C-alpha atoms as a PDB file:
ATOM      1  CA  UNK A   1       0.000   0.000   0.000  1.00  0.00           C
ATOM      2  CA  UNK A   2       1.186   3.506  -0.785  1.00  0.00           C
ATOM      3  CA  UNK A   3       1.329   5.628   2.368  1.00  0.00           C
ATOM      4  CA  UNK A   4       0.829   8.964   0.662  1.00  0.00           C
ATOM      5  CA  UNK A   5      -2.106   7.932  -1.514  1.00  0.00           C
ATOM      6  CA  UNK A   6      -5.789   8.214  -0.723  1.00  0.00           C
ATOM      7  CA  UNK A   7      -8.647   6.402  -2.425  1.00  0.00           C
ATOM      8  CA  UNK A   8     -12.036   8.073  -2.189  1.00  0.00           C
ATOM      9  CA  UNK A   9     -14.890   5.589  -2.332  1.00  0.00           C
ATOM     10  CA  UNK A  10     -18.529   6.563  -2.814  1.00  0.00           C
ATOM     11  CA  UNK A  11     -21.814   5.067  -3.974  1.00  0.00           C
ATOM     12  CA  UNK A  12     -23.843   6.725  -6.713  1.00  0.00           C
ATOM     13  CA  UNK A  13     -27.577   6.413  -7.188  1.00  0.00           C
ATOM     14  CA  UNK A  14     -28.013   8.832 -10.080  1.00  0.00           C
ATOM     15  CA  UNK A  15     -25.687  11.265  -8.259  1.00  0.00           C
ATOM     16  CA  UNK A  16     -23.722  12.502 -11.266  1.00  0.00           C
ATOM     17  CA  UNK A  17     -24.122  16.263 -10.743  1.00  0.00           C
ATOM     18  CA  UNK A  18     -23.296  15.979  -7.040  1.00  0.00           C
ATOM     19  CA  UNK A  19     -20.220  13.890  -7.811  1.00  0.00           C
ATOM     20  CA  UNK A  20     -19.043  16.352 -10.454  1.00  0.00           C
ATOM     21  CA  UNK A  21     -19.303  19.139  -7.886  1.00  0.00           C
ATOM     22  CA  UNK A  22     -17.331  16.991  -5.471  1.00  0.00           C
ATOM     23  CA  UNK A  23     -14.641  16.238  -8.053  1.00  0.00           C
ATOM     24  CA  UNK A  24     -14.266  19.928  -8.825  1.00  0.00           C
ATOM     25  CA  UNK A  25     -13.937  20.873  -5.161  1.00  0.00           C
ATOM     26  CA  UNK A  26     -11.463  18.093  -4.383  1.00  0.00           C
ATOM     27  CA  UNK A  27      -9.303  18.999  -7.377  1.00  0.00           C
ATOM     28  CA  UNK A  28      -9.254  22.725  -6.670  1.00  0.00           C
ATOM     29  CA  UNK A  29      -8.558  22.433  -2.939  1.00  0.00           C
ATOM     30  CA  UNK A  30      -5.795  19.860  -3.447  1.00  0.00           C
ATOM     31  CA  UNK A  31      -4.107  21.309  -6.526  1.00  0.00           C
ATOM     32  CA  UNK A  32      -0.625  20.334  -5.361  1.00  0.00           C
ATOM     33  CA  UNK A  33      -1.568  16.739  -4.646  1.00  0.00           C
ATOM     34  CA  UNK A  34      -2.258  14.193  -7.381  1.00  0.00           C
ATOM     35  CA  UNK A  35      -1.962  11.212  -5.055  1.00  0.00           C
ATOM     36  CA  UNK A  36      -5.651  10.467  -4.863  1.00  0.00           C
ATOM     37  CA  UNK A  37      -8.096   8.401  -6.843  1.00  0.00           C
ATOM     38  CA  UNK A  38     -11.823   7.805  -6.979  1.00  0.00           C
ATOM     39  CA  UNK A  39     -13.885   4.611  -6.830  1.00  0.00           C
ATOM     40  CA  UNK A  40     -17.556   5.069  -7.615  1.00  0.00           C
ATOM     41  CA  UNK A  41     -19.950   2.172  -7.142  1.00  0.00           C
ATOM     42  CA  UNK A  42     -22.834   2.597  -9.570  1.00  0.00           C
ATOM     43  CA  UNK A  43     -25.869   1.474  -7.595  1.00  0.00           C
ATOM     44  CA  UNK A  44     -28.416   2.271 -10.287  1.00  0.00           C
ATOM     45  CA  UNK A  45     -28.045  -0.177 -13.197  1.00  0.00           C
ATOM     46  CA  UNK A  46     -30.391   1.943 -15.322  1.00  0.00           C
ATOM     47  CA  UNK A  47     -27.593   4.522 -15.498  1.00  0.00           C
ATOM     48  CA  UNK A  48     -24.725   3.352 -17.742  1.00  0.00           C
ATOM     49  CA  UNK A  49     -21.252   3.711 -16.244  1.00  0.00           C
ATOM     50  CA  UNK A  50     -20.372   6.328 -18.856  1.00  0.00           C
ATOM     51  CA  UNK A  51     -23.091   8.572 -17.394  1.00  0.00           C
ATOM     52  CA  UNK A  52     -22.112   8.186 -13.729  1.00  0.00           C
ATOM     53  CA  UNK A  53     -19.451  10.905 -13.954  1.00  0.00           C
ATOM     54  CA  UNK A  54     -19.095  13.246 -16.891  1.00  0.00           C
ATOM     55  CA  UNK A  55     -15.338  13.556 -16.398  1.00  0.00           C
ATOM     56  CA  UNK A  56     -12.643  11.551 -18.131  1.00  0.00           C
ATOM     57  CA  UNK A  57      -9.764  10.985 -15.727  1.00  0.00           C
ATOM     58  CA  UNK A  58      -7.577   7.948 -15.173  1.00  0.00           C
ATOM     59  CA  UNK A  59      -7.901   8.365 -11.423  1.00  0.00           C
ATOM     60  CA  UNK A  60     -11.599   7.437 -11.549  1.00  0.00           C
ATOM     61  CA  UNK A  61     -12.742   3.816 -11.497  1.00  0.00           C
ATOM     62  CA  UNK A  62     -16.442   3.055 -11.821  1.00  0.00           C
ATOM     63  CA  UNK A  63     -17.605  -0.386 -10.753  1.00  0.00           C
ATOM     64  CA  UNK A  64     -20.966  -2.096 -10.958  1.00  0.00           C
ATOM     65  CA  UNK A  65     -23.128  -2.008  -7.859  1.00  0.00           C
ATOM     66  CA  UNK A  66     -26.477  -3.617  -7.160  1.00  0.00           C
ATOM     67  CA  UNK A  67     -30.011  -3.144  -8.348  1.00  0.00           C
ATOM     68  CA  UNK A  68     -32.477  -2.168  -5.644  1.00  0.00           C
ATOM     69  CA  UNK A  69     -34.591  -5.072  -6.914  1.00  0.00           C
ATOM     70  CA  UNK A  70     -31.873  -7.408  -5.621  1.00  0.00           C
ATOM     71  CA  UNK A  71     -32.444  -6.167  -2.071  1.00  0.00           C
ATOM     72  CA  UNK A  72     -35.269  -7.715  -0.008  1.00  0.00           C
ATOM     73  CA  UNK A  73     -38.177  -5.328   0.550  1.00  0.00           C
ATOM     74  CA  UNK A  74     -37.767  -4.928   4.303  1.00  0.00           C
ATOM     75  CA  UNK A  75     -37.146  -2.198   6.863  1.00  0.00           C
ATOM     76  CA  UNK A  76     -33.857  -0.488   6.107  1.00  0.00           C
ATOM     77  CA  UNK A  77     -33.818  -1.576   2.467  1.00  0.00           C
ATOM     78  CA  UNK A  78     -32.144   1.580   1.143  1.00  0.00           C
ATOM     79  CA  UNK A  79     -29.470   1.471   3.839  1.00  0.00           C
ATOM     80  CA  UNK A  80     -28.760  -2.170   3.023  1.00  0.00           C
ATOM     81  CA  UNK A  81     -28.542  -1.289  -0.670  1.00  0.00           C
ATOM     82  CA  UNK A  82     -25.968   1.391   0.169  1.00  0.00           C
ATOM     83  CA  UNK A  83     -24.060  -0.840   2.586  1.00  0.00           C
ATOM     84  CA  UNK A  84     -23.516  -3.778   0.212  1.00  0.00           C
ATOM     85  CA  UNK A  85     -22.220  -1.341  -2.398  1.00  0.00           C
ATOM     86  CA  UNK A  86     -19.726   0.147   0.076  1.00  0.00           C
ATOM     87  CA  UNK A  87     -18.579  -3.361   0.992  1.00  0.00           C
ATOM     88  CA  UNK A  88     -17.866  -4.036  -2.668  1.00  0.00           C
ATOM     89  CA  UNK A  89     -16.203  -0.702  -3.309  1.00  0.00           C
ATOM     90  CA  UNK A  90     -13.828  -0.725  -0.351  1.00  0.00           C
ATOM     91  CA  UNK A  91     -12.431  -4.101  -1.374  1.00  0.00           C
ATOM     92  CA  UNK A  92     -11.162  -2.535  -4.588  1.00  0.00           C
ATOM     93  CA  UNK A  93      -8.979  -0.083  -2.665  1.00  0.00           C
ATOM     94  CA  UNK A  94      -5.233  -0.640  -2.981  1.00  0.00           C
ATOM     95  CA  UNK A  95      -3.922   2.407  -1.114  1.00  0.00           C
ATOM     96  CA  UNK A  96      -3.246   2.589   2.605  1.00  0.00           C
ATOM     97  CA  UNK A  97      -5.734   5.381   3.237  1.00  0.00           C
ATOM     98  CA  UNK A  98      -9.385   5.354   2.250  1.00  0.00           C
ATOM     99  CA  UNK A  99     -12.163   7.897   2.460  1.00  0.00           C
ATOM    100  CA  UNK A 100     -15.706   6.556   2.469  1.00  0.00           C
ATOM    101  CA  UNK A 101     -17.940   9.501   1.624  1.00  0.00           C
ATOM    102  CA  UNK A 102     -21.473  10.312   0.499  1.00  0.00           C
ATOM    103  CA  UNK A 103     -21.809  12.031  -2.900  1.00  0.00           C
ATOM    104  CA  UNK A 104     -23.366  15.008  -1.096  1.00  0.00           C
ATOM    105  CA  UNK A 105     -20.717  15.464   1.606  1.00  0.00           C
ATOM    106  CA  UNK A 106     -18.228  18.195   0.694  1.00  0.00           C
ATOM    107  CA  UNK A 107     -14.908  18.832   2.447  1.00  0.00           C
ATOM    108  CA  UNK A 108     -14.004  22.522   2.172  1.00  0.00           C
ATOM    109  CA  UNK A 109     -10.596  22.733   3.859  1.00  0.00           C
ATOM    110  CA  UNK A 110      -7.669  23.579   1.576  1.00  0.00           C
ATOM    111  CA  UNK A 111      -5.114  20.741   1.170  1.00  0.00           C
ATOM    112  CA  UNK A 112      -7.304  18.478   3.268  1.00  0.00           C
ATOM    113  CA  UNK A 113      -5.950  15.248   1.767  1.00  0.00           C
ATOM    114  CA  UNK A 114      -2.433  15.951   2.994  1.00  0.00           C
ATOM    115  CA  UNK A 115      -3.664  17.474   6.272  1.00  0.00           C
ATOM    116  CA  UNK A 116      -5.876  14.546   7.239  1.00  0.00           C
ATOM    117  CA  UNK A 117      -3.422  11.802   6.261  1.00  0.00           C
ATOM    118  CA  UNK A 118      -0.565  13.584   8.047  1.00  0.00           C
ATOM    119  CA  UNK A 119      -2.720  14.089  11.139  1.00  0.00           C
ATOM    120  CA  UNK A 120      -3.797  10.443  11.238  1.00  0.00           C
ATOM    121  CA  UNK A 121      -0.205   9.262  10.968  1.00  0.00           C
ATOM    122  CA  UNK A 122       1.021  11.704  13.604  1.00  0.00           C
ATOM    123  CA  UNK A 123      -1.745  10.887  16.092  1.00  0.00           C
ATOM    124  CA  UNK A 124      -1.888   7.171  15.285  1.00  0.00           C
ATOM    125  CA  UNK A 125      -5.574   7.462  14.349  1.00  0.00           C
ATOM    126  CA  UNK A 126      -7.219   4.630  12.405  1.00  0.00           C
ATOM    127  CA  UNK A 127     -10.721   6.086  11.934  1.00  0.00           C
ATOM    128  CA  UNK A 128     -11.336   9.795  11.398  1.00  0.00           C
ATOM    129  CA  UNK A 129     -14.256  11.802  10.065  1.00  0.00           C
ATOM    130  CA  UNK A 130     -17.729  13.130  10.655  1.00  0.00           C
ATOM    131  CA  UNK A 131     -20.126  11.488  13.111  1.00  0.00           C
ATOM    132  CA  UNK A 132     -23.849  11.268  12.565  1.00  0.00           C
ATOM    133  CA  UNK A 133     -25.135  14.769  13.181  1.00  0.00           C
ATOM    134  CA  UNK A 134     -26.626  14.905  16.725  1.00  0.00           C
ATOM    135  CA  UNK A 135     -30.011  15.941  15.309  1.00  0.00           C
ATOM    136  CA  UNK A 136     -30.397  12.253  14.376  1.00  0.00           C
ATOM    137  CA  UNK A 137     -30.456  11.167  17.999  1.00  0.00           C
ATOM    138  CA  UNK A 138     -31.431   7.586  17.163  1.00  0.00           C
ATOM    139  CA  UNK A 139     -28.025   7.106  15.492  1.00  0.00           C
ATOM    140  CA  UNK A 140     -24.710   6.111  17.045  1.00  0.00           C
ATOM    141  CA  UNK A 141     -22.579   8.803  18.703  1.00  0.00           C
ATOM    142  CA  UNK A 142     -18.890   9.600  19.086  1.00  0.00           C
ATOM    143  CA  UNK A 143     -17.597   7.574  16.126  1.00  0.00           C
ATOM    144  CA  UNK A 144     -17.125   8.664  12.491  1.00  0.00           C
ATOM    145  CA  UNK A 145     -19.890   7.425  10.207  1.00  0.00           C
ATOM    146  CA  UNK A 146     -19.905   6.514   6.477  1.00  0.00           C
ATOM    147  CA  UNK A 147     -21.028  10.012   5.454  1.00  0.00           C
ATOM    148  CA  UNK A 148     -17.331  10.918   5.745  1.00  0.00           C
ATOM    149  CA  UNK A 149     -15.013   8.240   7.129  1.00  0.00           C
ATOM    150  CA  UNK A 150     -11.228   8.105   6.683  1.00  0.00           C
ATOM    151  CA  UNK A 151      -9.671   4.714   7.394  1.00  0.00           C
ATOM    152  CA  UNK A 152      -6.039   3.668   7.746  1.00  0.00           C
ATOM    153  CA  UNK A 153      -6.197   0.305   5.980  1.00  0.00           C
ATOM    154  CA  UNK A 154      -2.645  -0.379   7.066  1.00  0.00           C
ATOM    155  CA  UNK A 155      -3.953  -0.805  10.599  1.00  0.00           C
ATOM    156  CA  UNK A 156      -7.218  -2.664  10.030  1.00  0.00           C
ATOM    157  CA  UNK A 157      -8.135  -5.625   7.829  1.00  0.00           C
ATOM    158  CA  UNK A 158     -10.351  -4.409   5.003  1.00  0.00           C
ATOM    159  CA  UNK A 159     -12.149  -7.765   4.955  1.00  0.00           C
ATOM    160  CA  UNK A 160     -13.357  -7.143   8.496  1.00  0.00           C
ATOM    161  CA  UNK A 161     -15.089  -3.870   7.593  1.00  0.00           C
ATOM    162  CA  UNK A 162     -18.820  -4.365   7.117  1.00  0.00           C
ATOM    163  CA  UNK A 163     -21.125  -1.483   6.211  1.00  0.00           C
ATOM    164  CA  UNK A 164     -24.322  -3.522   6.046  1.00  0.00           C
ATOM    165  CA  UNK A 165     -26.928  -2.484   8.654  1.00  0.00           C
ATOM    166  CA  UNK A 166     -27.392  -4.953  11.476  1.00  0.00           C
ATOM    167  CA  UNK A 167     -30.295  -7.276  10.599  1.00  0.00           C
ATOM    168  CA  UNK A 168     -32.062  -4.520   8.656  1.00  0.00           C
ATOM    169  CA  UNK A 169     -32.802  -2.872  11.994  1.00  0.00           C
ATOM    170  CA  UNK A 170     -32.997   0.889  11.673  1.00  0.00           C
ATOM    171  CA  UNK A 171     -33.927   2.655  14.905  1.00  0.00           C
ATOM    172  CA  UNK A 172     -37.138   4.636  14.750  1.00  0.00           C
ATOM    173  CA  UNK A 173     -38.862   7.079  17.054  1.00  0.00           C
ATOM    174  CA  UNK A 174     -41.391   5.595  19.414  1.00  0.00           C
ATOM    175  CA  UNK A 175     -44.098   8.185  19.901  1.00  0.00           C
ATOM    176  CA  UNK A 176     -44.932   6.688  23.256  1.00  0.00           C
ATOM    177  CA  UNK A 177     -41.452   7.197  24.678  1.00  0.00           C
ATOM    178  CA  UNK A 178     -38.927   8.839  22.349  1.00  0.00           C
ATOM    179  CA  UNK A 179     -36.042   8.193  24.734  1.00  0.00           C
ATOM    180  CA  UNK A 180     -36.257   4.507  23.920  1.00  0.00           C
ATOM    181  CA  UNK A 181     -35.030   5.271  20.408  1.00  0.00           C
ATOM    182  CA  UNK A 182     -31.921   7.240  21.428  1.00  0.00           C
ATOM    183  CA  UNK A 183     -28.887   5.449  19.990  1.00  0.00           C
ATOM    184  CA  UNK A 184     -31.017   2.499  18.906  1.00  0.00           C
ATOM    185  CA  UNK A 185     -30.333   2.690  15.165  1.00  0.00           C
ATOM    186  CA  UNK A 186     -28.114   0.027  13.654  1.00  0.00           C
ATOM    187  CA  UNK A 187     -27.827   1.775  10.326  1.00  0.00           C
ATOM    188  CA  UNK A 188     -24.987   1.777   7.779  1.00  0.00           C
ATOM    189  CA  UNK A 189     -21.674   1.785   9.634  1.00  0.00           C
ATOM    190  CA  UNK A 190     -23.125   0.466  12.892  1.00  0.00           C
ATOM    191  CA  UNK A 191     -21.150  -2.779  12.757  1.00  0.00           C
ATOM    192  CA  UNK A 192     -17.875  -0.876  12.345  1.00  0.00           C
ATOM    193  CA  UNK A 193     -18.693   1.607  15.103  1.00  0.00           C
ATOM    194  CA  UNK A 194     -19.800  -1.148  17.452  1.00  0.00           C
ATOM    195  CA  UNK A 195     -16.651  -3.178  16.841  1.00  0.00           C
ATOM    196  CA  UNK A 196     -13.920  -0.544  16.801  1.00  0.00           C
ATOM    197  CA  UNK A 197     -15.249   2.002  19.284  1.00  0.00           C
ATOM    198  CA  UNK A 198     -14.601  -0.507  22.056  1.00  0.00           C
ATOM    199  CA  UNK A 199     -11.544   0.139  24.212  1.00  0.00           C
ATOM    200  CA  UNK A 200     -10.434  -3.439  23.722  1.00  0.00           C
ATOM    201  CA  UNK A 201      -9.941  -2.841  19.989  1.00  0.00           C
ATOM    202  CA  UNK A 202      -6.904  -0.724  20.848  1.00  0.00           C
ATOM    203  CA  UNK A 203      -7.483   1.463  17.780  1.00  0.00           C
ATOM    204  CA  UNK A 204      -7.764   5.223  18.011  1.00  0.00           C
ATOM    205  CA  UNK A 205     -10.522   7.212  16.349  1.00  0.00           C
ATOM    206  CA  UNK A 206     -11.554  10.857  16.238  1.00  0.00           C
ATOM    207  CA  UNK A 207     -14.477  12.941  14.985  1.00  0.00           C
ATOM    208  CA  UNK A 208     -14.703  16.401  13.508  1.00  0.00           C
ATOM    209  CA  UNK A 209     -17.197  18.652  15.309  1.00  0.00           C
ATOM    210  CA  UNK A 210     -20.814  19.015  14.138  1.00  0.00           C
ATOM    211  CA  UNK A 211     -22.506  22.400  14.443  1.00  0.00           C
ATOM    212  CA  UNK A 212     -25.543  21.629  16.571  1.00  0.00           C
ATOM    213  CA  UNK A 213     -28.201  23.724  18.260  1.00  0.00           C
ATOM    214  CA  UNK A 214     -30.568  21.348  20.060  1.00  0.00           C
ATOM    215  CA  UNK A 215     -33.570  23.635  20.362  1.00  0.00           C
ATOM    216  CA  UNK A 216     -33.851  24.071  16.596  1.00  0.00           C
ATOM    217  CA  UNK A 217     -32.109  20.975  15.245  1.00  0.00           C
ATOM    218  CA  UNK A 218     -33.909  18.085  16.910  1.00  0.00           C
ATOM    219  CA  UNK A 219     -37.217  17.274  15.265  1.00  0.00           C
ATOM    220  CA  UNK A 220     -39.366  16.616  18.310  1.00  0.00           C
ATOM    221  CA  UNK A 221     -41.814  18.723  20.294  1.00  0.00           C
ATOM    222  CA  UNK A 222     -40.084  21.906  21.462  1.00  0.00           C
ATOM    223  CA  UNK A 223     -41.131  21.370  25.074  1.00  0.00           C
ATOM    224  CA  UNK A 224     -39.119  18.147  25.105  1.00  0.00           C
ATOM    225  CA  UNK A 225     -35.895  20.161  24.980  1.00  0.00           C
ATOM    226  CA  UNK A 226     -36.908  22.873  27.423  1.00  0.00           C
ATOM    227  CA  UNK A 227     -35.421  23.554  30.848  1.00  0.00           C
ATOM    228  CA  UNK A 228     -37.281  20.644  32.361  1.00  0.00           C
ATOM    229  CA  UNK A 229     -35.531  18.288  29.983  1.00  0.00           C
ATOM    230  CA  UNK A 230     -32.146  19.892  30.733  1.00  0.00           C
ATOM    231  CA  UNK A 231     -32.655  19.227  34.424  1.00  0.00           C
ATOM    232  CA  UNK A 232     -33.784  15.657  33.781  1.00  0.00           C
ATOM    233  CA  UNK A 233     -30.849  14.928  31.476  1.00  0.00           C
ATOM    234  CA  UNK A 234     -28.392  16.248  34.047  1.00  0.00           C
ATOM    235  CA  UNK A 235     -29.125  13.101  36.070  1.00  0.00           C
ATOM    236  CA  UNK A 236     -29.535  10.667  33.180  1.00  0.00           C
ATOM    237  CA  UNK A 237     -26.784   8.632  31.470  1.00  0.00           C
ATOM    238  CA  UNK A 238     -25.762   9.758  28.006  1.00  0.00           C
ATOM    239  CA  UNK A 239     -27.585   6.862  26.334  1.00  0.00           C
ATOM    240  CA  UNK A 240     -30.918   8.304  27.523  1.00  0.00           C
ATOM    241  CA  UNK A 241     -30.226  11.925  26.589  1.00  0.00           C
ATOM    242  CA  UNK A 242     -31.258  13.709  23.417  1.00  0.00           C
ATOM    243  CA  UNK A 243     -28.307  16.056  23.807  1.00  0.00           C
ATOM    244  CA  UNK A 244     -24.840  14.387  23.793  1.00  0.00           C
ATOM    245  CA  UNK A 245     -22.986  14.900  27.055  1.00  0.00           C
ATOM    246  CA  UNK A 246     -19.395  14.501  25.947  1.00  0.00           C
ATOM    247  CA  UNK A 247     -17.565  17.832  26.233  1.00  0.00           C
ATOM    248  CA  UNK A 248     -16.509  19.317  22.908  1.00  0.00           C
ATOM    249  CA  UNK A 249     -18.485  16.824  20.820  1.00  0.00           C
ATOM    250  CA  UNK A 250     -20.520  19.558  19.144  1.00  0.00           C
ATOM    251  CA  UNK A 251     -20.434  23.340  18.754  1.00  0.00           C
ATOM    252  CA  UNK A 252     -23.228  25.891  18.509  1.00  0.00           C
ATOM    253  CA  UNK A 253     -20.883  28.197  16.586  1.00  0.00           C
ATOM    254  CA  UNK A 254     -21.361  27.702  12.864  1.00  0.00           C
ATOM    255  CA  UNK A 255     -19.644  28.747   9.637  1.00  0.00           C
ATOM    256  CA  UNK A 256     -21.395  32.127   9.578  1.00  0.00           C
ATOM    257  CA  UNK A 257     -20.282  33.065  13.093  1.00  0.00           C
ATOM    258  CA  UNK A 258     -16.701  32.208  12.114  1.00  0.00           C
ATOM    259  CA  UNK A 259     -16.845  34.489   9.079  1.00  0.00           C
ATOM    260  CA  UNK A 260     -17.418  31.870   6.376  1.00  0.00           C
ATOM    261  CA  UNK A 261     -20.329  31.139   3.998  1.00  0.00           C
ATOM    262  CA  UNK A 262     -23.525  30.333   5.888  1.00  0.00           C
ATOM    263  CA  UNK A 263     -24.186  26.793   4.679  1.00  0.00           C
ATOM    264  CA  UNK A 264     -26.524  25.912   7.510  1.00  0.00           C
ATOM    265  CA  UNK A 265     -28.688  28.988   7.078  1.00  0.00           C
ATOM    266  CA  UNK A 266     -28.993  28.661   3.316  1.00  0.00           C
ATOM    267  CA  UNK A 267     -30.500  25.180   3.146  1.00  0.00           C
ATOM    268  CA  UNK A 268     -30.228  23.869   6.706  1.00  0.00           C
ATOM    269  CA  UNK A 269     -27.391  21.627   5.570  1.00  0.00           C
ATOM    270  CA  UNK A 270     -25.197  20.104   8.253  1.00  0.00           C
ATOM    271  CA  UNK A 271     -21.915  21.859   9.055  1.00  0.00           C
ATOM    272  CA  UNK A 272     -18.790  20.295  10.556  1.00  0.00           C
ATOM    273  CA  UNK A 273     -15.699  21.974  12.044  1.00  0.00           C
ATOM    274  CA  UNK A 274     -12.115  20.840  12.524  1.00  0.00           C
ATOM    275  CA  UNK A 275      -9.609  22.849  14.511  1.00  0.00           C
ATOM    276  CA  UNK A 276     -12.224  25.604  14.856  1.00  0.00           C
ATOM    277  CA  UNK A 277     -12.589  26.238  11.117  1.00  0.00           C
ATOM    278  CA  UNK A 278     -14.992  24.721   8.553  1.00  0.00           C
ATOM    279  CA  UNK A 279     -14.163  21.154   7.598  1.00  0.00           C
ATOM    280  CA  UNK A 280     -17.149  20.152   5.495  1.00  0.00           C
ATOM    281  CA  UNK A 281     -20.886  20.151   5.026  1.00  0.00           C
ATOM    282  CA  UNK A 282     -23.511  17.540   4.263  1.00  0.00           C
ATOM    283  CA  UNK A 283     -26.649  18.080   2.243  1.00  0.00           C
ATOM    284  CA  UNK A 284     -28.182  14.992   3.867  1.00  0.00           C
ATOM    285  CA  UNK A 285     -30.933  14.216   1.374  1.00  0.00           C
ATOM    286  CA  UNK A 286     -31.997  10.877  -0.013  1.00  0.00           C
ATOM    287  CA  UNK A 287     -30.925  10.295  -3.620  1.00  0.00           C
ATOM    288  CA  UNK A 288     -34.197   8.565  -4.464  1.00  0.00           C
ATOM    289  CA  UNK A 289     -36.226  11.569  -3.295  1.00  0.00           C
ATOM    290  CA  UNK A 290     -34.145  13.834  -5.525  1.00  0.00           C
ATOM    291  CA  UNK A 291     -35.260  11.863  -8.559  1.00  0.00           C
ATOM    292  CA  UNK A 292     -38.842  12.677  -7.675  1.00  0.00           C
ATOM    293  CA  UNK A 293     -38.604  16.260  -6.476  1.00  0.00           C
ATOM    294  CA  UNK A 294     -35.823  17.507  -8.750  1.00  0.00           C
ATOM    295  CA  UNK A 295     -32.589  19.118  -7.692  1.00  0.00           C
ATOM    296  CA  UNK A 296     -32.032  22.222  -9.825  1.00  0.00           C
ATOM    297  CA  UNK A 297     -32.508  24.691  -6.975  1.00  0.00           C
ATOM    298  CA  UNK A 298     -30.372  22.630  -4.619  1.00  0.00           C
ATOM    299  CA  UNK A 299     -27.596  22.268  -7.182  1.00  0.00           C
ATOM    300  CA  UNK A 300     -27.627  25.983  -7.896  1.00  0.00           C
ATOM    301  CA  UNK A 301     -27.197  26.719  -4.181  1.00  0.00           C
ATOM    302  CA  UNK A 302     -24.491  24.056  -3.948  1.00  0.00           C
ATOM    303  CA  UNK A 303     -22.553  25.517  -6.872  1.00  0.00           C
ATOM    304  CA  UNK A 304     -22.639  28.961  -5.270  1.00  0.00           C
ATOM    305  CA  UNK A 305     -21.344  27.656  -1.939  1.00  0.00           C
ATOM    306  CA  UNK A 306     -18.578  25.626  -3.579  1.00  0.00           C
ATOM    307  CA  UNK A 307     -17.330  28.621  -5.547  1.00  0.00           C
ATOM    308  CA  UNK A 308     -17.216  30.674  -2.357  1.00  0.00           C
ATOM    309  CA  UNK A 309     -15.109  28.104  -0.554  1.00  0.00           C
ATOM    310  CA  UNK A 310     -12.777  27.693  -3.534  1.00  0.00           C
ATOM    311  CA  UNK A 311     -12.181  31.443  -3.554  1.00  0.00           C
ATOM    312  CA  UNK A 312     -11.604  31.525   0.196  1.00  0.00           C
ATOM    313  CA  UNK A 313      -9.242  28.525   0.254  1.00  0.00           C
ATOM    314  CA  UNK A 314      -9.392  28.017   4.011  1.00  0.00           C
END
């Protein structure tokens, strides 16, 4: 494996325009680094490989994914469809470092490839990236998730990485007692988080910091997050709290407050910080829903934000 190289692996379900935006941003922010390559798993067989990415570059390898019809029609079907594709894609990686990323997650830090790889080597970190945003309180906390997950494959066996959801079980909100659903989701990446977040694994991991304001970000009744809840959660263990308790896990200071483009305010996209400056943002929309509702307005906003970050070059 080549230490300096990074392979970026993503899954496309008719995500061409989002991937082209990603390619542009990666190329412009890492202009002095050609040691990266792209693996795209085409998870929509109706789209020919030649239409997955409208860019001809030897660093891009497109491989066949799976038809949704091949996936049993059960709870968590879309997550399973995504997970099996990631499992296939990651096993094509030949470099030491890998980045598993959603087509709609955009890293905006200048020279981030070199910065992240250097940081992981210096700090002996095996897993690095963005956690599930705390607004999704049913998801796992404190471990990077497949939205944006760097992995040192020199320290972990690629054949032991499994992105398939656990038994199709995706945690949902119980309207009788919402606290029962906190941390209950076993979505894409759960198996990896559950295995390697344990102290006994001996492997270090680290998350960038989500911008999170509980009162407006969590989609439950506003009274649930009032002062009464704050008092209750003071005495409760973290696993029963809507608001993560670990110090420094999230910040209520966003891109705008730091003097950068207001990604969160424009479309309520999710913002993430690293070393107190913007690291990346996530559109966090389902690809299938985009096919129905259209994406022209979203893509126009995305293009504007990307150009701003390219010009800033954080």
